[in-house]
Amino acid sequence: MSTGPVQAQPASKGASSHGRAVLTRFMVFSVATTIALMALWTQVSPWLSYPVAVLSDIVLNQTAPMWVRSVEVQPGQMLVKTAVEVVIPNSGGRKAAAILPADPGRLAYGFPILLALLLASWAIMRRPGLVQRALVGYVLLLPTQTFSLVMFVLMNLAAGAQYDTRALRVDPWQIEAIVFGSQVATLVLPALMPVLIWLWLDRKFFNDVIVHGWKQSLEAKKQSGASEGANG
């Protein structure tokens, strides 16, 4: 009778070890791929982030026409000419209309993160449709990246005007909303959204490999604890 639990224990340990090995492979591969793709992103971001700049141009002109005069968009750069006058540094208090440069690629780095996660899961599961999922993910990231770039520009404009509600012609709560929104848009969303989109695009891999491996590990720990209690 005592041989039953002894024979079952190596099987559970083997399943748990296999699950941990798969998770470790996924984590190592995704981190290494992210680093490599980030290096590549510095070279291709002027073109891949160009749609973000175009969409930000439209949003800025629609939502802040009292501030924005014109927006010049080029690969790798967006130049926002505003109607808000700010103090020129070291000019004795002279003012001029603020001109705000921005690099769309600096806030669109979520795509290489998403691509690294997709490649890592594909390397383990070999699920077809990798290119299609990457293209869908790229499109799904555009709204968030546009929001991040718009809030970055508005935050720089508010800071350039020294958060002066009179110069900006807004209420104090609107300044606070810009400050809070820019923190979320530039610090949280660029890294969070690619993970959430990956969880949706690769939900089968997440459920079959990540969640299943985690459950196997928990079951193995319970069985190990029960076995140690029985032996004790």
Protein backbone atom coordinates (compact mmCIF):
# COMPACT_ATOMS: atom_id res chain seq x y z
CA MET A 1 0.00 0.00 0.00
CA SER A 2 2.88 2.36 0.69
CA THR A 3 4.21 2.12 -2.85
CA GLY A 4 1.28 4.05 -4.37
CA PRO A 5 2.15 7.54 -3.09
CA VAL A 6 5.87 6.94 -3.65
CA GLN A 7 5.28 6.11 -7.32
CA ALA A 8 2.91 9.09 -7.87
CA GLN A 9 5.28 11.65 -6.42
CA PRO A 10 7.96 11.57 -9.19
CA ALA A 11 5.27 12.04 -11.84
CA SER A 12 3.94 15.18 -10.17
CA LYS A 13 7.44 16.44 -9.67
CA GLY A 14 8.21 15.79 -13.32
CA ALA A 15 5.12 17.71 -14.47
CA SER A 16 5.96 20.57 -12.14
CA SER A 17 9.57 20.65 -13.31
CA HIS A 18 8.45 20.66 -16.94
CA GLY A 19 6.04 23.53 -16.26
CA ARG A 20 8.75 25.56 -14.54
CA ALA A 21 11.17 24.84 -17.37
CA VAL A 22 8.67 26.12 -19.96
CA LEU A 23 7.99 29.26 -17.93
CA THR A 24 11.71 29.86 -17.51
CA ARG A 25 12.28 29.45 -21.26
CA PHE A 26 9.47 31.88 -21.99
CA MET A 27 10.77 34.50 -19.55
CA VAL A 28 14.39 34.25 -20.71
CA PHE A 29 13.43 34.31 -24.38
CA SER A 30 11.04 37.25 -23.97
CA VAL A 31 13.57 39.34 -22.02
CA ALA A 32 16.40 38.62 -24.46
CA THR A 33 14.15 39.32 -27.46
CA THR A 34 12.89 42.55 -25.91
CA ILE A 35 16.45 43.81 -25.49
CA ALA A 36 17.32 42.92 -29.08
CA LEU A 37 14.14 44.45 -30.51
CA MET A 38 14.58 47.63 -28.47
CA ALA A 39 17.98 48.09 -30.08
CA LEU A 40 16.41 47.55 -33.49
CA TRP A 41 13.56 49.91 -32.60
CA THR A 42 15.94 52.86 -32.41
CA GLN A 43 16.63 52.36 -36.11
CA VAL A 44 13.11 51.71 -37.44
CA SER A 45 10.99 53.78 -35.05
CA PRO A 46 10.97 56.93 -37.25
CA TRP A 47 8.89 55.03 -39.81
CA LEU A 48 6.91 52.65 -37.60
CA SER A 49 5.89 55.47 -35.26
CA TYR A 50 4.92 57.81 -38.09
CA PRO A 51 1.20 56.83 -37.90
CA VAL A 52 1.24 57.78 -34.21
CA ALA A 53 2.44 61.28 -35.11
CA VAL A 54 -0.22 61.64 -37.81
CA LEU A 55 -2.99 60.58 -35.45
CA SER A 56 -1.64 62.89 -32.73
CA ASP A 57 -1.72 65.78 -35.20
CA ILE A 58 -5.43 65.14 -35.79
CA VAL A 59 -6.22 64.78 -32.08
CA LEU A 60 -4.33 67.93 -31.07
CA ASN A 61 -6.08 70.04 -33.71
CA GLN A 62 -9.48 68.67 -32.70
CA THR A 63 -9.12 68.82 -28.92
CA ALA A 64 -6.88 71.85 -28.34
CA PRO A 65 -7.50 74.33 -31.20
CA MET A 66 -7.09 77.27 -28.79
CA TRP A 67 -3.50 76.18 -28.14
CA VAL A 68 -2.30 74.55 -31.36
CA ARG A 69 -1.62 76.62 -34.46
CA SER A 70 -0.03 73.94 -36.62
CA VAL A 71 1.72 70.58 -36.39
CA GLU A 72 4.59 69.50 -38.62
CA VAL A 73 5.03 65.74 -38.91
CA GLN A 74 8.11 64.01 -40.25
CA PRO A 75 9.49 60.50 -39.68
CA GLY A 76 10.99 60.56 -36.20
CA GLN A 77 9.81 64.05 -35.27
CA MET A 78 6.70 66.06 -34.57
CA LEU A 79 6.87 69.85 -34.17
CA VAL A 80 3.90 71.55 -32.51
CA LYS A 81 3.59 75.31 -33.00
CA THR A 82 1.31 76.79 -30.36
CA ALA A 83 -0.47 80.07 -29.63
CA VAL A 84 0.62 80.01 -25.98
CA GLU A 85 3.32 82.53 -25.09
CA VAL A 86 6.01 81.43 -22.67
CA VAL A 87 8.99 83.22 -21.18
CA ILE A 88 12.20 82.79 -23.18
CA PRO A 89 15.07 81.67 -20.90
CA ASN A 90 17.77 84.30 -20.32
CA SER A 91 15.87 86.94 -22.26
CA GLY A 92 14.97 89.36 -19.53
CA GLY A 93 11.35 88.23 -19.37
CA ARG A 94 10.56 88.38 -23.10
CA LYS A 95 7.90 85.99 -24.33
CA ALA A 96 7.31 84.05 -27.53
CA ALA A 97 4.87 81.44 -28.76
CA ALA A 98 5.92 77.98 -27.58
CA ILE A 99 7.19 75.47 -30.14
CA LEU A 100 7.22 71.91 -28.82
CA PRO A 101 9.29 69.12 -30.43
CA ALA A 102 8.46 65.49 -29.76
CA ASP A 103 9.82 62.12 -30.88
CA PRO A 104 6.88 59.71 -31.39
CA GLY A 105 9.16 56.68 -31.22
CA ARG A 106 10.07 57.38 -27.59
CA LEU A 107 6.47 56.74 -26.53
CA ALA A 108 5.65 54.00 -29.07
CA TYR A 109 8.12 51.45 -27.72
CA GLY A 110 5.27 49.17 -26.72
CA PHE A 111 5.36 47.47 -30.11
CA PRO A 112 8.80 45.83 -29.65
CA ILE A 113 7.63 44.64 -26.21
CA LEU A 114 4.51 43.12 -27.74
CA LEU A 115 6.50 41.56 -30.58
CA ALA A 116 8.97 40.03 -28.11
CA LEU A 117 6.14 38.40 -26.15
CA LEU A 118 4.56 37.07 -29.34
CA LEU A 119 7.89 35.64 -30.51
CA ALA A 120 8.55 34.05 -27.11
CA SER A 121 5.18 32.29 -27.02
CA TRP A 122 5.55 31.25 -30.68
CA ALA A 123 8.98 29.75 -29.98
CA ILE A 124 7.40 27.45 -27.39
CA MET A 125 3.98 26.66 -28.88
CA ARG A 126 4.64 27.19 -32.63
CA ARG A 127 1.11 28.46 -33.07
CA PRO A 128 0.46 29.67 -36.66
CA GLY A 129 -0.56 33.24 -37.44
CA LEU A 130 2.35 35.07 -35.81
CA VAL A 131 2.53 37.78 -38.49
CA GLN A 132 -1.22 38.38 -38.37
CA ARG A 133 -1.19 38.74 -34.58
CA ALA A 134 1.75 41.14 -34.77
CA LEU A 135 -0.08 43.32 -37.31
CA VAL A 136 -3.28 43.31 -35.24
CA GLY A 137 -1.27 44.20 -32.13
CA TYR A 138 0.45 47.07 -33.95
CA VAL A 139 -2.94 48.55 -34.90
CA LEU A 140 -4.40 48.03 -31.42
CA LEU A 141 -1.49 49.90 -29.86
CA LEU A 142 -1.99 53.03 -31.99
CA PRO A 143 -4.80 54.64 -29.93
CA THR A 144 -2.89 54.31 -26.66
CA GLN A 145 0.35 55.52 -28.22
CA THR A 146 -1.47 58.50 -29.69
CA PHE A 147 -2.94 59.34 -26.29
CA SER A 148 0.53 59.10 -24.72
CA LEU A 149 2.07 61.45 -27.30
CA VAL A 150 -0.77 63.97 -27.03
CA MET A 151 -0.55 64.05 -23.24
CA PHE A 152 3.24 64.40 -23.46
CA VAL A 153 2.85 67.48 -25.66
CA LEU A 154 0.14 69.01 -23.46
CA MET A 155 2.22 68.42 -20.34
CA ASN A 156 5.24 70.14 -21.90
CA LEU A 157 3.04 73.03 -22.93
CA ALA A 158 1.61 73.40 -19.43
CA ALA A 159 5.10 73.21 -17.91
CA GLY A 160 6.43 75.76 -20.42
CA ALA A 161 3.65 78.12 -19.37
CA GLN A 162 4.56 77.43 -15.73
CA TYR A 163 1.08 76.00 -15.18
CA ASP A 164 -0.37 79.49 -15.47
CA THR A 165 -4.13 79.09 -15.86
CA ARG A 166 -4.43 82.62 -17.31
CA ALA A 167 -1.85 82.02 -20.01
CA LEU A 168 -3.41 78.67 -20.86
CA ARG A 169 -7.00 79.97 -20.48
CA VAL A 170 -8.14 76.93 -18.51
CA ASP A 171 -9.38 76.09 -15.02
CA PRO A 172 -7.04 74.67 -12.35
CA TRP A 173 -8.73 71.25 -12.48
CA GLN A 174 -7.86 71.02 -16.16
CA ILE A 175 -4.18 71.56 -15.38
CA GLU A 176 -4.38 68.84 -12.74
CA ALA A 177 -6.03 66.51 -15.25
CA ILE A 178 -3.21 67.12 -17.74
CA VAL A 179 -0.56 66.44 -15.09
CA PHE A 180 -2.22 63.24 -13.90
CA GLY A 181 -3.04 62.08 -17.42
CA SER A 182 0.51 62.63 -18.62
CA GLN A 183 1.91 60.55 -15.76
CA VAL A 184 -0.34 57.62 -16.66
CA ALA A 185 0.13 58.10 -20.40
CA THR A 186 3.92 58.29 -20.38
CA LEU A 187 4.91 56.08 -17.44
CA VAL A 188 2.25 53.34 -17.25
CA LEU A 189 0.43 52.79 -20.54
CA PRO A 190 3.43 52.39 -22.91
CA ALA A 191 4.61 49.30 -21.03
CA LEU A 192 1.25 48.01 -19.76
CA MET A 193 -0.78 48.01 -22.98
CA PRO A 194 1.48 45.66 -24.99
CA VAL A 195 1.24 43.10 -22.18
CA LEU A 196 -2.56 43.36 -22.04
CA ILE A 197 -2.84 43.09 -25.83
CA TRP A 198 -0.51 40.08 -25.82
CA LEU A 199 -2.67 38.39 -23.18
CA TRP A 200 -5.63 38.77 -25.52
CA LEU A 201 -3.85 37.80 -28.74
CA ASP A 202 -2.06 34.82 -27.17
CA ARG A 203 -4.75 33.85 -24.65
CA LYS A 204 -4.57 30.19 -25.75
CA PHE A 205 -0.85 30.06 -24.97
CA PHE A 206 -1.42 31.90 -21.68
CA ASN A 207 -4.18 29.50 -20.60
CA ASP A 208 -2.60 26.26 -21.88
CA VAL A 209 0.98 26.96 -20.82
CA ILE A 210 1.25 29.71 -18.22
CA VAL A 211 -1.92 29.05 -16.21
CA HIS A 212 -1.72 25.26 -16.61
CA GLY A 213 1.94 25.24 -15.56
CA TRP A 214 1.14 27.38 -12.53
CA LYS A 215 -1.67 25.01 -11.50
CA GLN A 216 0.61 22.01 -11.92
CA SER A 217 3.19 23.66 -9.69
CA LEU A 218 0.59 24.33 -6.99
CA GLU A 219 -0.73 20.76 -7.15
CA ALA A 220 2.80 19.38 -6.92
CA LYS A 221 3.47 21.49 -3.83
CA LYS A 222 0.25 20.28 -2.19
CA GLN A 223 1.06 16.65 -2.96
CA SER A 224 4.59 17.11 -1.68
CA GLY A 225 3.30 18.66 1.54
CA ALA A 226 0.75 15.89 2.00
CA SER A 227 3.43 13.24 1.41
CA GLU A 228 5.81 14.82 3.90
CA GLY A 229 2.99 15.00 6.46
CA ALA A 230 2.15 11.32 5.94
CA ASN A 231 5.81 10.30 6.22
CA GLY A 232 6.23 12.38 9.33
